[in-house]
Structures are given as structure tokens and as C-alpha cells.
Amino acid sequence: MSDIEFNLSLRPLNRAYRDIFHEIPCIQNYSCTRDEYVAALKKSIETGKPIDTYLVKAVMPQNKDVLI
């Protein structure tokens, strides 16, 4: 699945998540695969719990010049 297809498939989920939590999560903020991210997004919409409940946040480097 290309990036465009992935992003288009997330649109309805992002809208539903935004309606509940008033924000849209970003996959780059989490340490997970695309499949894990979609599953967690669906589960958080179903249960009404934030996506942080199901995914581990990615660790950002202290030095902002370092790319991940």
C-alpha cells in the first residue's frame, strides 16, 4: 500500500477520532507499524479511549538536529 492509499484509508477513521477527541493523532508520534496504528485507531474509536492507551509513544532524541 502506498502512502497515498494509506492516508486515504485513514480519512474516515481520522474524522471519527476527531469527533470524539477533538484532535487527530499522527503515526509518527508512535512506535508502531501501519497495521498496528490502524488497529489502535479503530479500537480507540470503538472504546472511547485515546490512542495513547493502545500504542507506545516514540522516543524523540534530545538533540533536535538528529534525524530518526
PDB file of N, CA and C in Angstrom:
ATOM      1  N   MET A   1       0.861  -1.176   0.000  1.00  0.00           N
ATOM      2  CA  MET A   1       0.000   0.000   0.000  1.00  0.00           C
ATOM      3  C   MET A   1       0.908   1.239   0.000  1.00  0.00           C
ATOM      4  N   SER A   2       0.626   2.149  -0.909  1.00  0.00           N
ATOM      5  CA  SER A   2       1.421   3.372  -0.984  1.00  0.00           C
ATOM      6  C   SER A   2       1.010   4.351   0.115  1.00  0.00           C
ATOM      7  N   ASP A   3       1.807   5.396   0.280  1.00  0.00           N
ATOM      8  CA  ASP A   3       1.492   6.412   1.283  1.00  0.00           C
ATOM      9  C   ASP A   3       0.156   7.077   1.006  1.00  0.00           C
ATOM     10  N   ILE A   4      -0.133   7.326  -0.259  1.00  0.00           N
ATOM     11  CA  ILE A   4      -1.387   7.987  -0.626  1.00  0.00           C
ATOM     12  C   ILE A   4      -2.578   7.094  -0.290  1.00  0.00           C
ATOM     13  N   GLU A   5      -2.477   5.820  -0.627  1.00  0.00           N
ATOM     14  CA  GLU A   5      -3.558   4.876  -0.317  1.00  0.00           C
ATOM     15  C   GLU A   5      -3.760   4.743   1.185  1.00  0.00           C
ATOM     16  N   PHE A   6      -2.652   4.703   1.920  1.00  0.00           N
ATOM     17  CA  PHE A   6      -2.728   4.600   3.373  1.00  0.00           C
ATOM     18  C   PHE A   6      -3.425   5.824   3.960  1.00  0.00           C
ATOM     19  N   ASN A   7      -3.009   7.002   3.545  1.00  0.00           N
ATOM     20  CA  ASN A   7      -3.613   8.234   4.060  1.00  0.00           C
ATOM     21  C   ASN A   7      -5.088   8.344   3.696  1.00  0.00           C
ATOM     22  N   LEU A   8      -5.452   7.938   2.496  1.00  0.00           N
ATOM     23  CA  LEU A   8      -6.863   7.978   2.094  1.00  0.00           C
ATOM     24  C   LEU A   8      -7.696   6.989   2.910  1.00  0.00           C
ATOM     25  N   SER A   9      -7.102   5.839   3.242  1.00  0.00           N
ATOM     26  CA  SER A   9      -7.845   4.851   4.037  1.00  0.00           C
ATOM     27  C   SER A   9      -8.050   5.334   5.474  1.00  0.00           C
ATOM     28  N   LEU A  10      -7.187   6.247   5.942  1.00  0.00           N
ATOM     29  CA  LEU A  10      -7.309   6.768   7.303  1.00  0.00           C
ATOM     30  C   LEU A  10      -8.329   7.895   7.440  1.00  0.00           C
ATOM     31  N   ARG A  11      -8.716   8.512   6.350  1.00  0.00           N
ATOM     32  CA  ARG A  11      -9.610   9.677   6.431  1.00  0.00           C
ATOM     33  C   ARG A  11     -10.863   9.454   7.266  1.00  0.00           C
ATOM     34  N   PRO A  12     -11.649   8.402   6.999  1.00  0.00           N
ATOM     35  CA  PRO A  12     -12.863   8.222   7.817  1.00  0.00           C
ATOM     36  C   PRO A  12     -12.550   7.953   9.288  1.00  0.00           C
ATOM     37  N   LEU A  13     -11.441   7.250   9.548  1.00  0.00           N
ATOM     38  CA  LEU A  13     -11.058   6.982  10.932  1.00  0.00           C
ATOM     39  C   LEU A  13     -10.615   8.271  11.625  1.00  0.00           C
ATOM     40  N   ASN A  14      -9.847   9.091  10.912  1.00  0.00           N
ATOM     41  CA  ASN A  14      -9.403  10.361  11.492  1.00  0.00           C
ATOM     42  C   ASN A  14     -10.586  11.273  11.805  1.00  0.00           C
ATOM     43  N   ARG A  15     -11.577  11.285  10.931  1.00  0.00           N
ATOM     44  CA  ARG A  15     -12.772  12.113  11.177  1.00  0.00           C
ATOM     45  C   ARG A  15     -13.516  11.630  12.417  1.00  0.00           C
ATOM     46  N   ALA A  16     -13.680  10.316  12.530  1.00  0.00           N
ATOM     47  CA  ALA A  16     -14.382   9.756  13.687  1.00  0.00           C
ATOM     48  C   ALA A  16     -13.597  10.033  14.968  1.00  0.00           C
ATOM     49  N   TYR A  17     -12.289   9.883  14.918  1.00  0.00           N
ATOM     50  CA  TYR A  17     -11.445  10.147  16.090  1.00  0.00           C
ATOM     51  C   TYR A  17     -11.524  11.620  16.477  1.00  0.00           C
ATOM     52  N   ARG A  18     -11.463  12.501  15.489  1.00  0.00           N
ATOM     53  CA  ARG A  18     -11.540  13.947  15.749  1.00  0.00           C
ATOM     54  C   ARG A  18     -12.876  14.325  16.375  1.00  0.00           C
ATOM     55  N   ASP A  19     -13.948  13.707  15.936  1.00  0.00           N
ATOM     56  CA  ASP A  19     -15.266  13.993  16.507  1.00  0.00           C
ATOM     57  C   ASP A  19     -15.333  13.623  17.992  1.00  0.00           C
ATOM     58  N   ILE A  20     -14.610  12.598  18.378  1.00  0.00           N
ATOM     59  CA  ILE A  20     -14.619  12.143  19.773  1.00  0.00           C
ATOM     60  C   ILE A  20     -13.620  12.920  20.623  1.00  0.00           C
ATOM     61  N   PHE A  21     -12.377  13.050  20.139  1.00  0.00           N
ATOM     62  CA  PHE A  21     -11.284  13.580  20.960  1.00  0.00           C
ATOM     63  C   PHE A  21     -10.841  14.994  20.577  1.00  0.00           C
ATOM     64  N   HIS A  22     -11.394  15.559  19.524  1.00  0.00           N
ATOM     65  CA  HIS A  22     -11.083  16.921  19.072  1.00  0.00           C
ATOM     66  C   HIS A  22      -9.620  17.102  18.682  1.00  0.00           C
ATOM     67  N   GLU A  23      -9.003  16.042  18.209  1.00  0.00           N
ATOM     68  CA  GLU A  23      -7.645  16.085  17.666  1.00  0.00           C
ATOM     69  C   GLU A  23      -7.449  14.888  16.755  1.00  0.00           C
ATOM     70  N   ILE A  24      -6.445  14.964  15.905  1.00  0.00           N
ATOM     71  CA  ILE A  24      -6.120  13.850  15.011  1.00  0.00           C
ATOM     72  C   ILE A  24      -4.721  13.368  15.353  1.00  0.00           C
ATOM     73  N   PRO A  25      -4.570  12.089  15.717  1.00  0.00           N
ATOM     74  CA  PRO A  25      -3.247  11.576  16.052  1.00  0.00           C
ATOM     75  C   PRO A  25      -2.373  11.442  14.804  1.00  0.00           C
ATOM     76  N   CYS A  26      -1.076  11.384  15.002  1.00  0.00           N
ATOM     77  CA  CYS A  26      -0.107  11.269  13.913  1.00  0.00           C
ATOM     78  C   CYS A  26       0.712   9.997  14.112  1.00  0.00           C
ATOM     79  N   ILE A  27       0.811   9.191  13.083  1.00  0.00           N
ATOM     80  CA  ILE A  27       1.514   7.909  13.199  1.00  0.00           C
ATOM     81  C   ILE A  27       2.980   8.098  13.571  1.00  0.00           C
ATOM     82  N   GLN A  28       3.590   9.214  13.193  1.00  0.00           N
ATOM     83  CA  GLN A  28       4.995   9.454  13.504  1.00  0.00           C
ATOM     84  C   GLN A  28       5.240   9.622  15.007  1.00  0.00           C
ATOM     85  N   ASN A  29       4.199   9.904  15.761  1.00  0.00           N
ATOM     86  CA  ASN A  29       4.345  10.078  17.208  1.00  0.00           C
ATOM     87  C   ASN A  29       4.360   8.749  17.967  1.00  0.00           C
ATOM     88  N   TYR A  30       4.159   7.651  17.260  1.00  0.00           N
ATOM     89  CA  TYR A  30       4.069   6.347  17.910  1.00  0.00           C
ATOM     90  C   TYR A  30       5.063   5.367  17.320  1.00  0.00           C
ATOM     91  N   SER A  31       5.513   4.454  18.141  1.00  0.00           N
ATOM     92  CA  SER A  31       6.451   3.425  17.728  1.00  0.00           C
ATOM     93  C   SER A  31       5.649   2.186  17.340  1.00  0.00           C
ATOM     94  N   CYS A  32       5.199   2.153  16.073  1.00  0.00           N
ATOM     95  CA  CYS A  32       4.339   1.051  15.626  1.00  0.00           C
ATOM     96  C   CYS A  32       4.360   0.941  14.102  1.00  0.00           C
ATOM     97  N   THR A  33       3.786  -0.144  13.618  1.00  0.00           N
ATOM     98  CA  THR A  33       3.626  -0.329  12.185  1.00  0.00           C
ATOM     99  C   THR A  33       2.317   0.314  11.738  1.00  0.00           C
ATOM    100  N   ARG A  34       2.120   0.381  10.448  1.00  0.00           N
ATOM    101  CA  ARG A  34       0.858   0.931   9.925  1.00  0.00           C
ATOM    102  C   ARG A  34      -0.338   0.104  10.379  1.00  0.00           C
ATOM    103  N   ASP A  35      -0.189  -1.219  10.327  1.00  0.00           N
ATOM    104  CA  ASP A  35      -1.293  -2.096  10.725  1.00  0.00           C
ATOM    105  C   ASP A  35      -1.646  -1.925  12.199  1.00  0.00           C
ATOM    106  N   GLU A  36      -0.619  -1.822  13.045  1.00  0.00           N
ATOM    107  CA  GLU A  36      -0.855  -1.608  14.477  1.00  0.00           C
ATOM    108  C   GLU A  36      -1.532  -0.263  14.721  1.00  0.00           C
ATOM    109  N   TYR A  37      -1.118   0.745  13.965  1.00  0.00           N
ATOM    110  CA  TYR A  37      -1.695   2.081  14.113  1.00  0.00           C
ATOM    111  C   TYR A  37      -3.181   2.076  13.742  1.00  0.00           C
ATOM    112  N   VAL A  38      -3.518   1.463  12.622  1.00  0.00           N
ATOM    113  CA  VAL A  38      -4.919   1.401  12.183  1.00  0.00           C
ATOM    114  C   VAL A  38      -5.756   0.621  13.192  1.00  0.00           C
ATOM    115  N   ALA A  39      -5.235  -0.498  13.673  1.00  0.00           N
ATOM    116  CA  ALA A  39      -5.969  -1.304  14.660  1.00  0.00           C
ATOM    117  C   ALA A  39      -6.208  -0.506  15.940  1.00  0.00           C
ATOM    118  N   ALA A  40      -5.190   0.208  16.402  1.00  0.00           N
ATOM    119  CA  ALA A  40      -5.327   1.016  17.624  1.00  0.00           C
ATOM    120  C   ALA A  40      -6.299   2.171  17.414  1.00  0.00           C
ATOM    121  N   LEU A  41      -6.265   2.777  16.233  1.00  0.00           N
ATOM    122  CA  LEU A  41      -7.182   3.872  15.926  1.00  0.00           C
ATOM    123  C   LEU A  41      -8.635   3.380  15.940  1.00  0.00           C
ATOM    124  N   LYS A  42      -8.876   2.227  15.324  1.00  0.00           N
ATOM    125  CA  LYS A  42     -10.222   1.649  15.313  1.00  0.00           C
ATOM    126  C   LYS A  42     -10.678   1.302  16.733  1.00  0.00           C
ATOM    127  N   LYS A  43      -9.776   0.708  17.498  1.00  0.00           N
ATOM    128  CA  LYS A  43     -10.121   0.304  18.865  1.00  0.00           C
ATOM    129  C   LYS A  43     -10.409   1.514  19.745  1.00  0.00           C
ATOM    130  N   SER A  44      -9.641   2.592  19.579  1.00  0.00           N
ATOM    131  CA  SER A  44      -9.876   3.783  20.398  1.00  0.00           C
ATOM    132  C   SER A  44     -11.198   4.449  20.031  1.00  0.00           C
ATOM    133  N   ILE A  45     -11.584   4.383  18.772  1.00  0.00           N
ATOM    134  CA  ILE A  45     -12.884   4.927  18.359  1.00  0.00           C
ATOM    135  C   ILE A  45     -14.019   4.098  18.959  1.00  0.00           C
ATOM    136  N   GLU A  46     -13.856   2.775  18.933  1.00  0.00           N
ATOM    137  CA  GLU A  46     -14.883   1.885  19.468  1.00  0.00           C
ATOM    138  C   GLU A  46     -15.046   2.019  20.983  1.00  0.00           C
ATOM    139  N   THR A  47     -13.912   2.137  21.691  1.00  0.00           N
ATOM    140  CA  THR A  47     -13.963   2.148  23.155  1.00  0.00           C
ATOM    141  C   THR A  47     -14.068   3.542  23.763  1.00  0.00           C
ATOM    142  N   GLY A  48     -13.737   4.563  22.975  1.00  0.00           N
ATOM    143  CA  GLY A  48     -13.768   5.925  23.501  1.00  0.00           C
ATOM    144  C   GLY A  48     -12.552   6.277  24.335  1.00  0.00           C
ATOM    145  N   LYS A  49     -11.497   5.467  24.234  1.00  0.00           N
ATOM    146  CA  LYS A  49     -10.244   5.737  24.946  1.00  0.00           C
ATOM    147  C   LYS A  49      -9.233   6.295  23.956  1.00  0.00           C
ATOM    148  N   PRO A  50      -8.371   7.208  24.388  1.00  0.00           N
ATOM    149  CA  PRO A  50      -7.373   7.782  23.479  1.00  0.00           C
ATOM    150  C   PRO A  50      -6.425   6.723  22.913  1.00  0.00           C
ATOM    151  N   ILE A  51      -5.885   7.012  21.762  1.00  0.00           N
ATOM    152  CA  ILE A  51      -4.979   6.070  21.089  1.00  0.00           C
ATOM    153  C   ILE A  51      -3.730   5.809  21.922  1.00  0.00           C
ATOM    154  N   ASP A  52      -3.357   6.748  22.785  1.00  0.00           N
ATOM    155  CA  ASP A  52      -2.196   6.559  23.669  1.00  0.00           C
ATOM    156  C   ASP A  52      -2.363   5.345  24.577  1.00  0.00           C
ATOM    157  N   THR A  53      -3.593   4.942  24.809  1.00  0.00           N
ATOM    158  CA  THR A  53      -3.874   3.784  25.646  1.00  0.00           C
ATOM    159  C   THR A  53      -3.374   2.498  24.994  1.00  0.00           C
ATOM    160  N   TYR A  54      -3.339   2.468  23.665  1.00  0.00           N
ATOM    161  CA  TYR A  54      -3.034   1.242  22.935  1.00  0.00           C
ATOM    162  C   TYR A  54      -1.667   1.232  22.267  1.00  0.00           C
ATOM    163  N   LEU A  55      -1.025   2.394  22.140  1.00  0.00           N
ATOM    164  CA  LEU A  55       0.269   2.468  21.473  1.00  0.00           C
ATOM    165  C   LEU A  55       1.305   3.139  22.370  1.00  0.00           C
ATOM    166  N   VAL A  56       2.561   2.800  22.136  1.00  0.00           N
ATOM    167  CA  VAL A  56       3.675   3.397  22.860  1.00  0.00           C
ATOM    168  C   VAL A  56       4.164   4.607  22.072  1.00  0.00           C
ATOM    169  N   LYS A  57       4.341   5.715  22.777  1.00  0.00           N
ATOM    170  CA  LYS A  57       4.859   6.925  22.128  1.00  0.00           C
ATOM    171  C   LYS A  57       6.295   6.691  21.666  1.00  0.00           C
ATOM    172  N   ALA A  58       6.643   7.268  20.526  1.00  0.00           N
ATOM    173  CA  ALA A  58       8.011   7.195  20.019  1.00  0.00           C
ATOM    174  C   ALA A  58       8.906   8.087  20.864  1.00  0.00           C
ATOM    175  N   VAL A  59      10.124   7.660  21.072  1.00  0.00           N
ATOM    176  CA  VAL A  59      11.081   8.438  21.849  1.00  0.00           C
ATOM    177  C   VAL A  59      11.769   9.410  20.901  1.00  0.00           C
ATOM    178  N   MET A  60      11.664  10.686  21.217  1.00  0.00           N
ATOM    179  CA  MET A  60      12.293  11.705  20.399  1.00  0.00           C
ATOM    180  C   MET A  60      13.687  11.992  20.939  1.00  0.00           C
ATOM    181  N   PRO A  61      14.656  12.215  20.048  1.00  0.00           N
ATOM    182  CA  PRO A  61      16.012  12.496  20.519  1.00  0.00           C
ATOM    183  C   PRO A  61      16.103  13.849  21.223  1.00  0.00           C
ATOM    184  N   GLN A  62      17.006  13.955  22.171  1.00  0.00           N
ATOM    185  CA  GLN A  62      17.207  15.214  22.889  1.00  0.00           C
ATOM    186  C   GLN A  62      17.781  16.279  21.976  1.00  0.00           C
ATOM    187  N   ASN A  63      18.647  15.850  21.047  1.00  0.00           N
ATOM    188  CA  ASN A  63      19.250  16.767  20.098  1.00  0.00           C
ATOM    189  C   ASN A  63      18.326  16.892  18.895  1.00  0.00           C
ATOM    190  N   LYS A  64      17.750  18.040  18.671  1.00  0.00           N
ATOM    191  CA  LYS A  64      16.760  18.229  17.607  1.00  0.00           C
ATOM    192  C   LYS A  64      17.379  18.147  16.216  1.00  0.00           C
ATOM    193  N   ASP A  65      18.730  18.185  16.121  1.00  0.00           N
ATOM    194  CA  ASP A  65      19.400  18.104  14.819  1.00  0.00           C
ATOM    195  C   ASP A  65      19.523  16.660  14.337  1.00  0.00           C
ATOM    196  N   VAL A  66      19.274  15.696  15.224  1.00  0.00           N
ATOM    197  CA  VAL A  66      19.376  14.281  14.886  1.00  0.00           C
ATOM    198  C   VAL A  66      18.086  13.824  14.237  1.00  0.00           C
ATOM    199  N   LEU A  67      18.202  13.186  13.090  1.00  0.00           N
ATOM    200  CA  LEU A  67      17.024  12.652  12.414  1.00  0.00           C
ATOM    201  C   LEU A  67      16.793  11.219  12.866  1.00  0.00           C
ATOM    202  N   ILE A  68      15.548  10.852  12.969  1.00  0.00           N
ATOM    203  CA  ILE A  68      15.205   9.489  13.385  1.00  0.00           C
ATOM    204  C   ILE A  68      15.204   8.593  12.170  1.00  0.00           C
TER     205      ILE A  68
END
